Protein backbone atom coordinates (compact mmCIF):
# COMPACT_ATOMS: atom_id res chain seq x y z
CA MET A 1 15.62 -15.15 13.24
CA LYS A 2 14.24 -13.83 10.54
CA LYS A 3 13.49 -9.94 10.40
CA VAL A 4 9.80 -9.22 10.73
CA ALA A 5 8.41 -6.74 7.86
CA LEU A 6 5.09 -5.39 8.38
CA THR A 7 2.64 -4.10 5.75
CA GLY A 8 -0.75 -2.28 6.49
CA ILE A 9 -3.39 -1.94 3.93
CA LYS A 10 -5.71 0.77 4.02
CA PRO A 11 -9.24 -0.43 2.44
CA THR A 12 -9.99 2.70 0.42
CA GLY A 13 -10.26 1.29 -3.10
CA ILE A 14 -9.68 -1.58 -5.34
CA PRO A 15 -5.70 -1.53 -6.22
CA HIS A 16 -4.51 -0.36 -9.84
CA ILE A 17 -1.94 -1.38 -11.67
CA GLY A 18 0.58 1.03 -9.95
CA ASN A 19 -0.28 -0.41 -6.54
CA PHE A 20 0.09 -4.01 -7.89
CA LEU A 21 3.78 -3.16 -9.27
CA GLY A 22 5.01 -0.67 -6.62
CA ALA A 23 3.64 -1.76 -3.52
CA ILE A 24 1.71 -5.24 -3.60
CA GLN A 25 4.71 -7.43 -5.45
CA PRO A 26 7.38 -6.02 -3.49
CA ALA A 27 5.78 -6.45 -0.12
CA LEU A 28 4.54 -9.85 -0.98
CA LYS A 29 8.46 -10.67 -2.20
CA LEU A 30 9.37 -9.79 1.28
CA SER A 31 7.86 -12.98 2.76
CA GLU A 32 10.60 -14.96 0.64
CA THR A 33 13.15 -13.46 3.20
CA CYS A 34 11.17 -12.35 6.47
CA GLU A 35 8.37 -13.05 8.68
CA ALA A 36 5.97 -11.21 6.77
CA ARG A 37 2.61 -9.68 8.32
CA TYR A 38 0.14 -7.75 6.39
CA PHE A 39 -3.08 -6.27 7.86
CA ILE A 40 -6.21 -4.64 6.68
CA ALA A 41 -6.15 -1.17 8.22
CA ASP A 42 -9.74 -0.28 8.71
CA TYR A 43 -9.36 1.94 11.72
CA HIS A 44 -6.99 4.36 9.67
CA ALA A 45 -9.57 4.36 6.90
CA ILE A 46 -12.33 5.42 9.07
CA ASN A 47 -10.51 9.01 9.08
CA THR A 48 -12.05 9.79 5.61
CA VAL A 49 -14.36 7.22 5.02
CA LYS A 50 -17.39 7.22 7.20
CA LYS A 51 -20.10 4.78 5.48
CA SER A 52 -19.91 1.74 7.31
CA ASN A 53 -21.13 -0.33 4.18
CA VAL A 54 -18.21 0.95 2.14
CA ILE A 55 -15.78 0.25 5.07
CA ARG A 56 -17.27 -3.35 5.52
CA GLN A 57 -17.42 -3.93 1.43
CA MET A 58 -13.73 -2.59 0.96
CA SER A 59 -12.26 -4.72 3.55
CA VAL A 60 -13.21 -7.96 2.13
CA LYS A 61 -12.73 -6.93 -1.38
CA VAL A 62 -8.91 -5.51 -0.46
CA ALA A 63 -8.17 -8.66 1.49
CA ALA A 64 -9.79 -10.69 -1.57
CA ALA A 65 -6.98 -8.63 -4.00
CA TRP A 66 -4.12 -9.61 -2.01
CA LEU A 67 -4.93 -12.85 -1.56
CA ALA A 68 -5.58 -13.16 -5.38
CA CYS A 69 -2.17 -11.73 -5.84
CA GLY A 70 -0.23 -14.24 -3.99
CA LEU A 71 -0.75 -13.60 -0.42
CA ASP A 72 -1.00 -17.03 1.66
CA PRO A 73 -2.51 -17.02 4.96
CA GLU A 74 -0.83 -20.22 5.92
CA GLN A 75 2.60 -18.78 5.44
CA VAL A 76 2.41 -15.40 6.70
CA LEU A 77 0.39 -13.31 9.42
CA PHE A 78 -3.12 -11.70 7.99
CA TYR A 79 -5.27 -10.04 10.33
CA LYS A 80 -7.64 -6.94 10.50
CA GLN A 81 -6.32 -4.11 12.73
CA SER A 82 -9.91 -3.84 14.42
CA SER A 83 -9.70 -7.41 15.66
CA VAL A 84 -6.68 -6.73 17.63
CA PRO A 85 -7.43 -4.10 20.43
CA GLU A 86 -4.20 -4.48 22.10
CA THR A 87 -3.47 -2.07 19.12
CA PHE A 88 -5.32 0.54 20.65
CA GLU A 89 -4.12 0.01 24.16
CA LEU A 90 -0.65 0.89 22.82
CA SER A 91 -1.87 3.47 20.76
CA THR A 92 -3.18 5.10 24.15
CA ILE A 93 0.06 4.22 26.07
CA LEU A 94 2.19 5.94 23.09
CA MET A 95 0.19 8.91 23.17
CA ALA A 96 2.00 9.79 26.68
CA TYR A 97 5.20 9.59 24.93
CA THR A 98 4.43 11.68 22.29
CA PRO A 99 5.14 15.42 22.06
CA LYS A 100 2.21 17.31 20.54
CA GLY A 101 4.73 19.20 18.57
CA LEU A 102 6.03 15.80 16.64
CA MET A 103 1.96 15.74 15.56
CA ASN A 104 2.27 19.43 14.39
CA ARG A 105 5.08 18.67 12.29
CA ALA A 106 3.22 15.54 10.15
CA HIS A 107 3.20 16.32 6.44
CA ALA A 108 -0.77 15.41 5.90
CA TYR A 109 -1.51 17.92 9.03
CA LYS A 110 0.70 20.60 7.80
CA ALA A 111 -0.84 20.24 4.12
CA ILE A 112 -3.95 20.88 5.68
CA LEU A 113 -3.09 23.94 7.47
CA GLN A 114 -1.59 25.39 4.42
CA SER A 115 -4.48 24.32 2.43
CA ASN A 116 -7.37 26.18 4.83
CA ALA A 117 -4.82 29.09 5.31
CA GLU A 118 -4.75 29.48 1.57
CA SER A 119 -8.59 29.35 1.80
CA GLY A 120 -9.46 31.85 4.30
CA LYS A 121 -10.68 29.14 6.53
CA ASP A 122 -10.24 27.98 10.09
CA PRO A 123 -6.65 26.59 10.38
CA ASP A 124 -7.97 23.20 11.65
CA ASP A 125 -11.36 23.02 9.44
CA GLY A 126 -11.79 19.54 8.38
CA VAL A 127 -9.20 18.10 11.03
CA ASN A 128 -10.51 15.25 13.21
CA MET A 129 -8.26 13.84 16.18
CA GLY A 130 -8.23 10.69 13.91
CA LEU A 131 -6.51 12.42 11.14
CA PHE A 132 -4.06 14.32 13.73
CA THR A 133 -2.99 11.34 15.77
CA TYR A 134 -2.48 9.09 12.72
CA PRO A 135 0.99 8.67 13.24
CA ILE A 136 0.70 7.46 16.58
CA LEU A 137 -1.86 4.96 15.72
CA MET A 138 0.56 3.89 13.10
CA ALA A 139 3.40 3.53 15.61
CA ALA A 140 1.46 1.24 17.62
CA ASP A 141 0.54 -0.97 14.40
CA ILE A 142 4.33 -1.22 13.88
CA LEU A 143 5.38 -1.41 17.34
CA LEU A 144 3.56 -3.79 18.72
CA PHE A 145 5.17 -6.42 16.56
CA ASP A 146 8.67 -6.08 17.08
CA THR A 147 8.60 -4.96 13.64
CA ASP A 148 12.19 -4.63 11.50
CA TYR A 149 10.84 -3.12 8.00
CA VAL A 150 8.00 -1.23 7.05
CA PRO A 151 7.51 -1.00 3.02
CA VAL A 152 5.61 2.16 2.48
CA GLY A 153 5.69 4.93 -0.24
CA ASN A 154 7.82 7.99 0.05
CA ASP A 155 4.75 10.16 1.52
CA GLN A 156 4.92 7.54 4.84
CA PHE A 157 8.53 7.83 5.59
CA GLN A 158 8.02 10.51 8.10
CA HIS A 159 5.34 8.18 9.94
CA VAL A 160 8.08 5.62 10.29
CA GLU A 161 10.55 8.29 11.40
CA MET A 162 7.78 9.40 14.04
CA ALA A 163 7.67 5.55 15.12
CA VAL A 164 11.24 5.40 15.77
CA ASP A 165 11.17 8.92 17.73
CA ILE A 166 8.27 7.43 20.10
CA ALA A 167 9.89 4.53 20.43
CA GLN A 168 13.25 6.07 21.59
CA SER A 169 11.37 8.33 23.79
CA PHE A 170 9.87 5.35 25.68
CA ASN A 171 13.20 3.28 25.61
CA PHE A 172 14.94 6.33 27.07
CA ILE A 173 12.47 7.26 29.76
CA HIS A 174 12.42 3.52 31.00
CA SER A 175 16.16 2.50 30.45
CA CYS A 176 15.23 -0.08 28.57
CA GLU A 177 14.78 -1.73 24.91
CA ALA A 178 11.35 -2.53 24.97
CA PHE A 179 10.73 -1.04 21.36
CA LYS A 180 12.85 -2.33 18.65
CA LEU A 181 13.28 0.51 16.10
CA PRO A 182 11.89 0.09 12.89
CA GLN A 183 13.15 0.97 9.14
CA ALA A 184 11.27 2.30 6.33
CA LEU A 185 11.73 0.50 3.22
CA ALA A 186 11.12 2.36 -0.25
CA HIS A 187 10.50 0.57 -3.94
CA GLU A 188 11.91 2.54 -6.58
CA GLN A 189 9.44 0.85 -8.99
CA SER A 190 6.63 2.86 -7.28
CA LYS A 191 8.12 5.93 -8.93
CA THR A 192 7.77 5.10 -12.32
CA VAL A 193 4.53 3.13 -13.22
CA VAL A 194 2.91 5.67 -15.63
CA GLY A 195 -0.81 5.93 -16.03
CA LEU A 196 -2.73 6.78 -19.40
CA ASP A 197 -1.92 10.18 -19.64
CA GLY A 198 2.03 9.98 -19.00
CA ARG A 199 2.19 10.89 -15.39
CA LYS A 200 2.38 8.83 -12.50
CA MET A 201 -0.32 6.27 -12.06
CA SER A 202 -2.78 7.65 -9.48
CA LYS A 203 -6.68 7.75 -8.40
CA SER A 204 -6.20 11.54 -8.09
CA TYR A 205 -4.96 12.08 -11.53
CA GLY A 206 -7.77 9.67 -13.16
CA ASN A 207 -5.47 7.92 -14.97
CA ILE A 208 -5.54 4.40 -13.54
CA ILE A 209 -6.05 1.05 -15.03
CA PRO A 210 -7.54 -1.54 -12.74
CA LEU A 211 -5.72 -4.22 -11.57
CA PHE A 212 -8.75 -6.56 -12.24
CA ALA A 213 -10.29 -5.09 -15.04
CA ALA A 214 -12.33 -7.42 -17.48
CA GLU A 215 -10.50 -8.52 -20.76
CA LYS A 216 -12.39 -6.02 -22.83
CA GLU A 217 -12.03 -3.15 -20.31
CA LEU A 218 -8.42 -3.44 -19.90
CA ARG A 219 -7.77 -3.43 -23.62
CA LYS A 220 -10.00 -0.07 -24.28
CA LEU A 221 -8.16 1.54 -21.38
CA ILE A 222 -5.16 0.48 -22.70
CA MET A 223 -5.89 1.57 -26.45
CA LYS A 224 -6.17 5.29 -24.42
CA ILE A 225 -2.78 5.62 -23.41
CA VAL A 226 -1.74 9.33 -24.94
CA THR A 227 0.71 9.10 -27.50
CA ASN A 228 2.25 11.40 -29.97
CA SER A 229 1.05 11.89 -33.51
CA GLN A 230 4.08 10.20 -35.13
CA THR A 231 2.92 8.33 -38.24
CA ILE A 232 3.17 4.66 -38.80
CA GLU A 233 6.31 4.94 -40.79
CA GLU A 234 8.12 6.88 -38.55
CA PRO A 235 10.77 5.47 -36.17
CA LYS A 236 9.88 6.03 -32.09
CA ASP A 237 11.75 6.69 -29.09
CA PRO A 238 10.74 3.82 -26.58
CA ASP A 239 12.49 5.61 -23.94
CA THR A 240 10.08 8.34 -23.85
CA CYS A 241 6.59 6.25 -24.68
CA SER A 242 4.02 5.62 -21.75
CA VAL A 243 3.21 2.40 -23.74
CA PHE A 244 6.76 0.98 -23.65
CA ALA A 245 7.24 2.05 -20.08
CA LEU A 246 4.10 -0.17 -19.26
CA TYR A 247 5.23 -2.74 -21.54
CA LYS A 248 8.58 -3.28 -19.68
CA CYS A 249 6.77 -3.94 -16.58
CA PHE A 250 4.80 -6.94 -17.92
CA ALA A 251 7.15 -8.57 -20.85
CA THR A 252 10.29 -10.65 -20.77
CA ASP A 253 13.71 -9.45 -21.52
CA GLU A 254 13.23 -10.78 -25.18
CA GLN A 255 10.08 -9.29 -25.74
CA ILE A 256 11.26 -5.91 -24.56
CA LYS A 257 14.32 -6.30 -26.93
CA ALA A 258 11.98 -7.13 -29.52
CA LEU A 259 9.52 -4.35 -29.14
CA ARG A 260 12.50 -2.03 -28.89
CA GLN A 261 13.85 -2.93 -32.29
CA ARG A 262 10.09 -2.44 -33.77
CA TYR A 263 9.90 1.27 -32.15
CA LEU A 264 13.18 2.14 -33.63
CA ALA A 265 12.95 0.58 -36.98
CA GLY A 266 9.93 2.54 -38.06
CA GLY A 267 6.68 0.59 -39.51
CA MET A 268 4.54 0.29 -36.33
CA GLY A 269 1.63 2.16 -35.44
CA TRP A 270 0.76 3.40 -31.90
CA GLY A 271 -2.37 0.80 -32.06
CA HIS A 272 0.14 -2.11 -33.15
CA ALA A 273 2.52 -1.35 -29.60
CA LYS A 274 -0.85 -0.91 -27.49
CA GLN A 275 -2.12 -4.40 -28.74
CA GLU A 276 1.25 -5.74 -27.65
CA LEU A 277 0.96 -4.46 -24.37
CA PHE A 278 -2.57 -5.42 -23.87
CA GLU A 279 -1.26 -8.88 -24.73
CA VAL A 280 1.38 -9.06 -22.15
CA MET A 281 -0.59 -7.47 -19.64
CA ASN A 282 -3.60 -9.55 -19.82
CA ALA A 283 -1.76 -12.86 -20.00
CA GLN A 284 -0.04 -11.80 -16.56
CA LEU A 285 -3.13 -10.59 -15.02
CA SER A 286 -5.68 -13.09 -16.27
CA PRO A 287 -4.66 -15.50 -13.51
CA TYR A 288 -5.11 -12.69 -10.78
CA ARG A 289 -8.49 -11.58 -12.23
CA GLU A 290 -9.95 -15.05 -12.07
CA LYS A 291 -8.74 -15.87 -8.38
CA TYR A 292 -10.08 -12.26 -7.45
CA ASN A 293 -13.43 -12.95 -9.33
CA ALA A 294 -13.96 -16.46 -7.41
CA LEU A 295 -12.62 -15.02 -3.93
CA ILE A 296 -15.21 -12.32 -3.63
CA GLN A 297 -17.69 -14.51 -4.42
CA ASP A 298 -16.92 -16.27 -0.83
CA SER A 299 -16.84 -13.60 1.78
CA ALA A 300 -17.29 -15.81 4.63
CA TYR A 301 -14.23 -17.58 3.77
CA ILE A 302 -12.43 -14.47 3.50
CA ASN A 303 -13.70 -13.22 6.77
CA SER A 304 -12.37 -16.78 8.53
CA VAL A 305 -9.00 -16.13 7.07
CA LEU A 306 -8.79 -12.76 8.71
CA GLN A 307 -10.58 -13.95 11.91
CA GLU A 308 -8.12 -16.89 12.27
CA GLY A 309 -5.11 -14.35 11.77
CA SER A 310 -6.40 -11.91 13.98
CA LEU A 311 -6.39 -14.40 16.78
CA LYS A 312 -2.84 -15.46 16.08
CA ALA A 313 -1.97 -11.78 15.96
CA ARG A 314 -3.24 -11.14 19.29
CA GLU A 315 -1.33 -14.03 21.06
CA LEU A 316 1.87 -11.80 19.74
CA ALA A 317 0.18 -8.62 20.75
CA SER A 318 -0.76 -9.65 24.09
CA GLN A 319 2.50 -10.97 25.06
CA LYS A 320 3.97 -7.43 24.12
CA ILE A 321 1.34 -5.22 26.18
CA LYS A 322 2.12 -7.69 29.32
CA LEU A 323 5.70 -6.71 28.72
CA LEU A 324 4.70 -2.88 28.58
CA ARG A 325 2.47 -2.99 31.27
CA GLY A 326 5.39 -4.30 33.76
CA ILE A 327 7.58 -1.73 32.64
CA MET A 328 5.36 1.20 33.29
CA GLY A 329 4.26 -0.34 36.64
CA ILE A 330 0.49 -0.94 35.63
CA ASP A 331 0.66 -4.74 35.27
C-alpha cells in the first residue's frame, strides 16, 4: 500500500512565489508516490484571525490557489478541517494523553513568553488556549488519518515530533499500535527562495512576489529586485545575485547556462537580467494565474469540492474514532 502524506493549509493569505516553490509544488509532487491528503486548516487560522468574513473568503481563495496549481480533487483527498468533527473529538482525546510540560516547550509559546518578559508584560499576555494547544490539534489532524509523511517547514518540525510523542503515549498506555508514528518531511528549496531585497521571501519582510500577480504587476515587482551598482560593461557574479537565484527556479538548464555566460561576459545590465527573469517567470505562471482567476469566480464549485472531500474524509475518520473508543472503553 502507498504511504499516506498529509498537508495542512492555513487560510491566512494568498500564496507567494516562495510558498509555491518551497511548499505547494513539493507537497503536490507527493501525490505521485503517496496517497496524498490536503486540508484547509481553518480552525488553526482562528487563533490569529478573528474576522469571520476574512476566514470565509480566505478559505475559498486558498483552496482556489491549490486547485489552480494542480491539485486534482479526483485523485487526492481535499477537505476542510472544520467539516470533519472527528478531528476535534480526537483532539479532546489526545489532551488526556499529553503532559502540560510538552506544551510548555512549544517554540511558538516560548517565543511569546520571552517577548512578554522582554516587554515587561504578563507572561501569558496575548496567549489563548487555541495557541497553547495548537500542537495537540495538529497532532489530531495527523494521527486521525494514519499519516506517514507530513511535509512542513523547519518551524513546524517540532509539532510533528510532538504528534509522535503523543501517539507513543497513547500506544504505550493501551499496549497497542493504534497510531502510526508520522515523519516530518522538509524541502531544502524552501530555504533558498529569495525575495525582492535578497533575504528569504517572506510576508513579514514585505519582500514577496504574489503567485497570481497580474502580468504588469509581476514585471513591476521584478524590476524592484535589489541589485548592486555595477555598470553594464562589468562582468557580474550570478551566484551572488538575487535575480539569477530566482531565474534558476523557473528557467530550463539551457536557459540558466546561457544567462550565466552573459553574466560572466559583461555587457549586460541589470534591467536586461530582470527582463529575462520576468519572461521565464511569466511564461510558467500565466497558466496558474488564468486558472486561479477563473476558479475564484466560482466559489460554489470550490465549496462543493471541499464538501465532497470532507464527506470522504469523515468516512475514514469515523472508522478511526470507532477504533479508539473501543480501545479506551467508551464505545
